[in-house]
Amino acid sequence: MANIAPLPLWMISSTNEIPARLDLLNRTFTKNNLRNNIIVKTFDVKTLYTNLPQQDIIKQLTNLFIDLANMNPTTPANYLQINNSTITFLSTLPVSPNTKNTYISIKQLISILDFLITNTYTTVGNIIFHQIIGIPLGTNAAVYIANYYLFHYELSFIRHLIKTKQFNLLNLFKFTIRYLDDILSINNTEITNLLYTNTSITTITNTTNTTTNNTDNNNNNNIVISGIYPPD
């Protein structure tokens, strides 16, 4: 197993988290004498909310819910217990439910999400329009739907890097963060090549080390790494 430190969470919930990341960056780069070789790249997702394919939103978030429900494979969760902002996963409903809590099954949650995304209408005069691409900005859930939609693509990408032992490539994303539709990436030499799922790079992996963009070697395996986000 490669010697790689735990990476900070890619997705941040507030811009207030950025100074702490920059402080970590400064300490890391000072320690390794790399402060003169810093490359900063920023990206913005174009028309995020109104451009998302509805069926793919449902697919990605359904898979995310299933992943969360199966975090403990011995007792997979079937229900959510909600108390204000605290959510607890339950395998079965309590015999005597707390009236202060709200309980909902994973299946119900997926059904509600499906209905919300596929049943958006707007009127112009006497004409009713059905929105079939994207989600409306006005709904309370829009920011969370878009955020976790992108998060599941990021999670799938990171899982693939771990599965294929691309630890050097994974470490490049140590200082990559996303706040909603804005991405900041520092000293990540591959992010431009890996921004979209219709782009890829070829890496070489062996049992002791992982490198990128090398020539063929009979003792190594070529691994194609596809990009992170779906193209617009």
Foldseek 3Di string as FASTA:
>chain_A
DDPDDDFPDQEDADPVCVVVLVVVVVVVCVVVVNPVPKDKDKDFDPPQFQAAQLVLLLVLVLVVLQCVQCVPVVQGFFKWKDAPPDIDGHSDADPDDDPNIDMDTSVVVSVVSSCQSQADWDDDVPDIDGRRGGHDPPDPCRQVSSRSSLVSLVVVLLVVCVVQVVVVLVNQCSSWHDYRRMIMGMNNPCQVQAAEQVGWFKWKDAPPDTDGDDDDDPRIDIDIRGHRHHDD
